[in-house]
Amino acid sequence: MKIAIPIEEKSYNSDISNALGRAPYFLIYSTVTKEYEFLDNRAVLEQGGAGIRVAQVIADNGVKSVITKRCGENAEKLFRKSEVFVYEAKDGNAEQNIAYLVGNKLSLLNEYHSNFHSINDM
């Protein structure tokens, strides 16, 4: 299974970004091969719709689980259609949250925000 996590730095130990669509990078981790890669978020500076653009890129990369602190309603709808589960990140870095997910210690995210928000709202 592939997992995607919005992160602040290109590091396996990076802090998780506060919002999915505005994260500078994404960590894509395979639970099968234990390998990971980083994707630059090209939608980070978009005026609107960054979350749904990011959701499409994540789904297109074969990801089946996302770990995040926040997610918008439009991105969540695309994830649902693509059969991607969205989990709520716990305190800790990306590596720790991957271990939480693999150990079944994360809950599905149950609150999704609506409307456009600015980078300053994060």
Protein backbone atom coordinates (compact mmCIF):
# COMPACT_ATOMS: atom_id res chain seq x y z
CA MET A 1 0.00 0.00 0.00
CA LYS A 2 1.17 3.53 -0.74
CA ILE A 3 0.79 6.27 1.86
CA ALA A 4 1.01 10.04 1.20
CA ILE A 5 1.85 12.62 3.85
CA PRO A 6 2.07 16.42 3.38
CA ILE A 7 5.44 17.47 4.82
CA GLU A 8 7.46 20.61 5.47
CA GLU A 9 10.90 19.32 4.36
CA LYS A 10 12.18 16.59 2.05
CA SER A 11 12.95 14.26 4.94
CA TYR A 12 11.48 11.00 6.20
CA ASN A 13 11.50 12.59 9.67
CA SER A 14 9.87 15.84 8.54
CA ASP A 15 7.12 17.56 10.45
CA ILE A 16 3.69 17.10 8.92
CA SER A 17 2.36 20.19 7.20
CA ASN A 18 -0.70 21.88 8.70
CA ALA A 19 -2.76 21.60 5.51
CA LEU A 20 -2.83 19.15 2.64
CA GLY A 21 -3.10 21.55 -0.30
CA ARG A 22 -0.52 24.04 0.97
CA ALA A 23 2.23 21.61 1.96
CA PRO A 24 5.52 22.27 0.17
CA TYR A 25 6.19 18.55 -0.35
CA PHE A 26 4.64 15.10 -0.11
CA LEU A 27 6.24 11.95 1.17
CA ILE A 28 5.02 8.87 -0.72
CA TYR A 29 5.83 5.69 1.21
CA SER A 30 5.30 2.06 0.17
CA THR A 31 4.49 -0.38 2.96
CA VAL A 32 5.43 -3.22 0.60
CA THR A 33 8.93 -2.12 -0.47
CA LYS A 34 9.61 0.24 2.49
CA GLU A 35 10.86 2.76 -0.07
CA TYR A 36 9.83 6.40 -0.22
CA GLU A 37 10.02 9.36 -2.55
CA PHE A 38 9.26 13.05 -2.36
CA LEU A 39 6.95 15.05 -4.59
CA ASP A 40 7.07 18.83 -4.89
CA ASN A 41 3.66 20.45 -4.47
CA ARG A 42 3.21 22.54 -7.58
CA ALA A 43 -0.21 23.72 -6.41
CA VAL A 44 1.06 25.33 -3.20
CA LEU A 45 0.83 28.90 -4.52
CA GLU A 46 -2.49 28.52 -6.36
CA GLN A 47 -5.17 31.05 -5.39
CA GLY A 48 -7.77 28.33 -4.98
CA GLY A 49 -8.29 24.65 -5.62
CA ALA A 50 -4.87 23.54 -4.38
CA GLY A 51 -6.36 20.73 -2.32
CA ILE A 52 -8.24 19.12 -5.18
CA ARG A 53 -5.21 19.43 -7.47
CA VAL A 54 -3.08 17.73 -4.83
CA ALA A 55 -5.72 15.04 -4.28
CA GLN A 56 -5.65 14.22 -8.00
CA VAL A 57 -1.84 13.94 -8.04
CA ILE A 58 -1.93 11.70 -4.96
CA ALA A 59 -4.61 9.44 -6.47
CA ASP A 60 -2.73 9.33 -9.81
CA ASN A 61 0.34 8.05 -7.92
CA GLY A 62 -1.55 4.99 -6.70
CA VAL A 63 -1.80 6.13 -3.10
CA LYS A 64 -4.46 4.38 -0.99
CA SER A 65 -3.98 6.20 2.35
CA VAL A 66 -3.29 9.83 3.25
CA ILE A 67 -2.17 11.02 6.68
CA THR A 68 -2.90 14.71 7.24
CA LYS A 69 -3.89 17.27 9.84
CA ARG A 70 -6.49 18.99 7.63
CA CYS A 71 -8.29 18.32 4.38
CA GLY A 72 -10.88 20.23 2.40
CA GLU A 73 -14.27 18.92 1.35
CA ASN A 74 -13.48 18.95 -2.38
CA ALA A 75 -10.26 16.98 -1.91
CA GLU A 76 -12.12 14.52 0.33
CA LYS A 77 -14.74 13.93 -2.38
CA LEU A 78 -12.03 13.14 -4.92
CA PHE A 79 -10.29 10.83 -2.43
CA ARG A 80 -13.56 9.02 -1.76
CA LYS A 81 -14.17 8.50 -5.50
CA SER A 82 -10.58 7.23 -5.86
CA GLU A 83 -10.92 4.91 -2.85
CA VAL A 84 -8.21 6.72 -0.88
CA PHE A 85 -8.64 6.69 2.91
CA VAL A 86 -7.80 9.91 4.81
CA TYR A 87 -6.38 9.50 8.31
CA GLU A 88 -5.90 12.15 10.97
CA ALA A 89 -2.23 12.73 11.82
CA LYS A 90 -1.15 12.48 15.43
CA ASP A 91 1.54 14.57 17.08
CA GLY A 92 4.90 13.51 15.74
CA ASN A 93 6.72 13.43 12.44
CA ALA A 94 6.04 11.59 9.19
CA GLU A 95 7.99 8.49 10.19
CA GLN A 96 6.09 8.18 13.47
CA ASN A 97 2.72 8.61 11.75
CA ILE A 98 3.55 5.91 9.21
CA ALA A 99 4.25 3.57 12.14
CA TYR A 100 0.95 4.61 13.73
CA LEU A 101 -0.96 3.81 10.52
CA VAL A 102 0.79 0.47 10.01
CA GLY A 103 0.00 -0.35 13.66
CA ASN A 104 -3.69 0.61 13.21
CA LYS A 105 -3.33 3.51 15.66
CA LEU A 106 -4.73 6.29 13.46
CA SER A 107 -8.37 7.25 13.07
CA LEU A 108 -10.05 8.30 9.87
CA LEU A 109 -10.28 12.07 9.56
CA ASN A 110 -13.89 13.04 10.23
CA GLU A 111 -13.86 16.83 9.85
CA TYR A 112 -13.29 18.49 6.50
CA HIS A 113 -13.10 22.22 6.01
CA SER A 114 -14.95 24.12 3.33
CA ASN A 115 -14.34 27.32 1.41
CA PHE A 116 -11.16 28.95 0.24
CA HIS A 117 -8.64 29.89 2.87
CA SER A 118 -5.42 31.80 2.55
CA ILE A 119 -1.92 30.63 3.42
CA ASN A 120 -2.06 33.00 6.41
CA ASP A 121 -4.97 31.00 7.88
CA MET A 122 -2.76 27.99 8.50
